Amino acid sequence: MIRFAADENFNNDILRAVWRVEPTLDIIRVQDTEASGFSDSDLLRWLAQTSRILLTHDVNTVPRFAKELLKEGFVLPGIFLVQDSKPIAAVARDILLVASCSSPEEWINQLWYLPLA
């Protein structure tokens, strides 16, 4: 089962759209955890420890920190980057698609943009 973590700036409307279709999907909001307020680098380390795939709108800095950690040998559970301008329904649809049609192992050390198409 895929487990997600939405960073503190992630659009809650997207999360609500996902949960309307699949209320049991395992997505936590970072601000509701001990990782609230972490820097991007520390958040990525925390995600590596908790095996949660990151959902983020931070398309500018998260990829840079992720690449640095990968060079250091960290194994990241995966990152989905979402530009703010993307339609809520399309992003929610693809989160649901990823969750229902793939396994966590497929996303290890991967950075992908949503929506996928």
C-alpha atoms as a PDB file:
ATOM      1  CA  MET A   1       0.000   0.000   0.000  1.00  0.00           C
ATOM      2  CA  ILE A   2       1.301   3.420  -0.935  1.00  0.00           C
ATOM      3  CA  ARG A   3       1.592   5.949   1.852  1.00  0.00           C
ATOM      4  CA  PHE A   4       1.763   9.652   1.083  1.00  0.00           C
ATOM      5  CA  ALA A   5       2.723  12.786   2.981  1.00  0.00           C
ATOM      6  CA  ALA A   6       1.477  16.144   1.725  1.00  0.00           C
ATOM      7  CA  ASP A   7       3.848  18.940   2.631  1.00  0.00           C
ATOM      8  CA  GLU A   8       2.703  21.970   4.568  1.00  0.00           C
ATOM      9  CA  ASN A   9       1.899  24.041   1.488  1.00  0.00           C
ATOM     10  CA  PHE A  10       0.067  21.335  -0.429  1.00  0.00           C
ATOM     11  CA  ASN A  11      -3.397  22.317  -1.634  1.00  0.00           C
ATOM     12  CA  ASN A  12      -5.951  20.833   0.760  1.00  0.00           C
ATOM     13  CA  ASP A  13      -8.595  20.987  -1.980  1.00  0.00           C
ATOM     14  CA  ILE A  14      -6.635  18.278  -3.788  1.00  0.00           C
ATOM     15  CA  LEU A  15      -6.562  16.146  -0.647  1.00  0.00           C
ATOM     16  CA  ARG A  16     -10.304  16.585  -0.135  1.00  0.00           C
ATOM     17  CA  ALA A  17     -10.939  15.577  -3.770  1.00  0.00           C
ATOM     18  CA  VAL A  18      -8.862  12.417  -3.262  1.00  0.00           C
ATOM     19  CA  TRP A  19     -10.550  11.518   0.024  1.00  0.00           C
ATOM     20  CA  ARG A  20     -14.021  12.017  -1.468  1.00  0.00           C
ATOM     21  CA  VAL A  21     -13.265   9.145  -3.847  1.00  0.00           C
ATOM     22  CA  GLU A  22     -11.065   7.051  -1.540  1.00  0.00           C
ATOM     23  CA  PRO A  23     -11.492   8.071   2.113  1.00  0.00           C
ATOM     24  CA  THR A  24      -9.105   5.384   3.369  1.00  0.00           C
ATOM     25  CA  LEU A  25      -6.153   6.437   1.229  1.00  0.00           C
ATOM     26  CA  ASP A  26      -3.155   6.897   3.534  1.00  0.00           C
ATOM     27  CA  ILE A  27      -2.188  10.554   3.163  1.00  0.00           C
ATOM     28  CA  ILE A  28      -0.939  12.507   6.137  1.00  0.00           C
ATOM     29  CA  ARG A  29      -0.444  16.251   6.200  1.00  0.00           C
ATOM     30  CA  VAL A  30       3.065  17.136   7.350  1.00  0.00           C
ATOM     31  CA  GLN A  31       1.725  19.955   9.534  1.00  0.00           C
ATOM     32  CA  ASP A  32      -0.119  17.296  11.561  1.00  0.00           C
ATOM     33  CA  THR A  33       3.093  15.398  12.368  1.00  0.00           C
ATOM     34  CA  GLU A  34       6.338  15.869  14.269  1.00  0.00           C
ATOM     35  CA  ALA A  35       7.894  16.945  10.948  1.00  0.00           C
ATOM     36  CA  SER A  36       5.926  20.194  10.928  1.00  0.00           C
ATOM     37  CA  GLY A  37       8.282  23.095  10.354  1.00  0.00           C
ATOM     38  CA  PHE A  38      11.162  20.941   9.109  1.00  0.00           C
ATOM     39  CA  SER A  39      13.409  22.302   6.376  1.00  0.00           C
ATOM     40  CA  ASP A  40      13.025  20.635   2.971  1.00  0.00           C
ATOM     41  CA  SER A  41      16.178  18.611   3.522  1.00  0.00           C
ATOM     42  CA  ASP A  42      15.105  17.421   6.981  1.00  0.00           C
ATOM     43  CA  LEU A  43      11.608  16.663   5.693  1.00  0.00           C
ATOM     44  CA  LEU A  44      13.049  14.444   2.964  1.00  0.00           C
ATOM     45  CA  ARG A  45      15.150  12.603   5.560  1.00  0.00           C
ATOM     46  CA  TRP A  46      12.021  12.124   7.697  1.00  0.00           C
ATOM     47  CA  LEU A  47      10.123  10.787   4.671  1.00  0.00           C
ATOM     48  CA  ALA A  48      12.940   8.319   4.034  1.00  0.00           C
ATOM     49  CA  GLN A  49      12.567   7.055   7.609  1.00  0.00           C
ATOM     50  CA  THR A  50       8.764   6.840   7.429  1.00  0.00           C
ATOM     51  CA  SER A  51       8.547   5.438   3.874  1.00  0.00           C
ATOM     52  CA  ARG A  52       6.063   8.045   2.692  1.00  0.00           C
ATOM     53  CA  ILE A  53       5.950   9.483  -0.809  1.00  0.00           C
ATOM     54  CA  LEU A  54       5.969  13.275  -0.821  1.00  0.00           C
ATOM     55  CA  LEU A  55       3.267  15.366  -2.473  1.00  0.00           C
ATOM     56  CA  THR A  56       4.552  18.916  -2.902  1.00  0.00           C
ATOM     57  CA  HIS A  57       4.066  22.142  -4.814  1.00  0.00           C
ATOM     58  CA  ASP A  58       7.667  23.115  -4.074  1.00  0.00           C
ATOM     59  CA  VAL A  59       8.986  22.440  -7.567  1.00  0.00           C
ATOM     60  CA  ASN A  60      11.953  24.788  -7.155  1.00  0.00           C
ATOM     61  CA  THR A  61      13.847  23.569  -4.094  1.00  0.00           C
ATOM     62  CA  VAL A  62      12.665  20.033  -3.282  1.00  0.00           C
ATOM     63  CA  PRO A  63      14.243  18.475  -6.401  1.00  0.00           C
ATOM     64  CA  ARG A  64      17.593  20.092  -5.584  1.00  0.00           C
ATOM     65  CA  PHE A  65      17.572  18.775  -2.001  1.00  0.00           C
ATOM     66  CA  ALA A  66      16.405  15.359  -3.189  1.00  0.00           C
ATOM     67  CA  LYS A  67      19.274  15.088  -5.663  1.00  0.00           C
ATOM     68  CA  GLU A  68      21.756  16.045  -2.927  1.00  0.00           C
ATOM     69  CA  LEU A  69      20.404  13.352  -0.611  1.00  0.00           C
ATOM     70  CA  LEU A  70      20.456  10.761  -3.387  1.00  0.00           C
ATOM     71  CA  LYS A  71      24.137  11.589  -4.001  1.00  0.00           C
ATOM     72  CA  GLU A  72      24.739  10.982  -0.286  1.00  0.00           C
ATOM     73  CA  GLY A  73      23.183   7.519  -0.597  1.00  0.00           C
ATOM     74  CA  PHE A  74      19.766   8.193   0.906  1.00  0.00           C
ATOM     75  CA  VAL A  75      16.896   6.114  -0.418  1.00  0.00           C
ATOM     76  CA  LEU A  76      13.870   8.319  -0.960  1.00  0.00           C
ATOM     77  CA  PRO A  77      10.399   6.770  -1.180  1.00  0.00           C
ATOM     78  CA  GLY A  78       9.480   9.048  -4.094  1.00  0.00           C
ATOM     79  CA  ILE A  79       8.340  12.591  -4.775  1.00  0.00           C
ATOM     80  CA  PHE A  80       5.399  13.899  -6.764  1.00  0.00           C
ATOM     81  CA  LEU A  81       5.781  17.536  -7.759  1.00  0.00           C
ATOM     82  CA  VAL A  82       2.646  19.532  -8.569  1.00  0.00           C
ATOM     83  CA  GLN A  83       2.740  22.980 -10.080  1.00  0.00           C
ATOM     84  CA  ASP A  84       0.181  25.291  -8.462  1.00  0.00           C
ATOM     85  CA  SER A  85      -1.490  25.973 -11.795  1.00  0.00           C
ATOM     86  CA  LYS A  86      -2.462  22.363 -12.462  1.00  0.00           C
ATOM     87  CA  PRO A  87      -6.167  21.418 -12.261  1.00  0.00           C
ATOM     88  CA  ILE A  88      -7.242  19.957  -8.928  1.00  0.00           C
ATOM     89  CA  ALA A  89      -9.293  17.185 -10.523  1.00  0.00           C
ATOM     90  CA  ALA A  90      -6.424  16.014 -12.745  1.00  0.00           C
ATOM     91  CA  VAL A  91      -3.950  15.912  -9.862  1.00  0.00           C
ATOM     92  CA  ALA A  92      -6.428  14.101  -7.583  1.00  0.00           C
ATOM     93  CA  ARG A  93      -7.176  11.594 -10.356  1.00  0.00           C
ATOM     94  CA  ASP A  94      -3.495  10.795 -10.795  1.00  0.00           C
ATOM     95  CA  ILE A  95      -2.845  10.433  -7.060  1.00  0.00           C
ATOM     96  CA  LEU A  96      -5.679   7.902  -7.003  1.00  0.00           C
ATOM     97  CA  LEU A  97      -4.248   6.173 -10.089  1.00  0.00           C
ATOM     98  CA  VAL A  98      -0.788   5.915  -8.539  1.00  0.00           C
ATOM     99  CA  ALA A  99      -2.246   4.581  -5.291  1.00  0.00           C
ATOM    100  CA  SER A 100      -4.421   1.956  -6.958  1.00  0.00           C
ATOM    101  CA  CYS A 101      -2.210   0.794  -9.823  1.00  0.00           C
ATOM    102  CA  SER A 102       1.329   0.754  -8.496  1.00  0.00           C
ATOM    103  CA  SER A 103       3.427  -0.316  -5.563  1.00  0.00           C
ATOM    104  CA  PRO A 104       5.647   1.798  -3.309  1.00  0.00           C
ATOM    105  CA  GLU A 105       8.772   0.131  -4.706  1.00  0.00           C
ATOM    106  CA  GLU A 106       8.086   1.578  -8.157  1.00  0.00           C
ATOM    107  CA  TRP A 107       8.569   5.136  -6.899  1.00  0.00           C
ATOM    108  CA  ILE A 108      11.781   4.732  -4.889  1.00  0.00           C
ATOM    109  CA  ASN A 109      14.239   7.510  -5.759  1.00  0.00           C
ATOM    110  CA  GLN A 110      11.826   8.833  -8.418  1.00  0.00           C
ATOM    111  CA  LEU A 111      10.696  12.420  -8.937  1.00  0.00           C
ATOM    112  CA  TRP A 112       7.585  12.828 -11.083  1.00  0.00           C
ATOM    113  CA  TYR A 113       5.304  15.689 -11.987  1.00  0.00           C
ATOM    114  CA  LEU A 114       1.550  15.432 -11.577  1.00  0.00           C
ATOM    115  CA  PRO A 115      -0.638  15.242 -13.476  1.00  0.00           C
ATOM    116  CA  LEU A 116       1.204  12.484 -15.300  1.00  0.00           C
ATOM    117  CA  ALA A 117      -0.093  13.390 -18.770  1.00  0.00           C
END
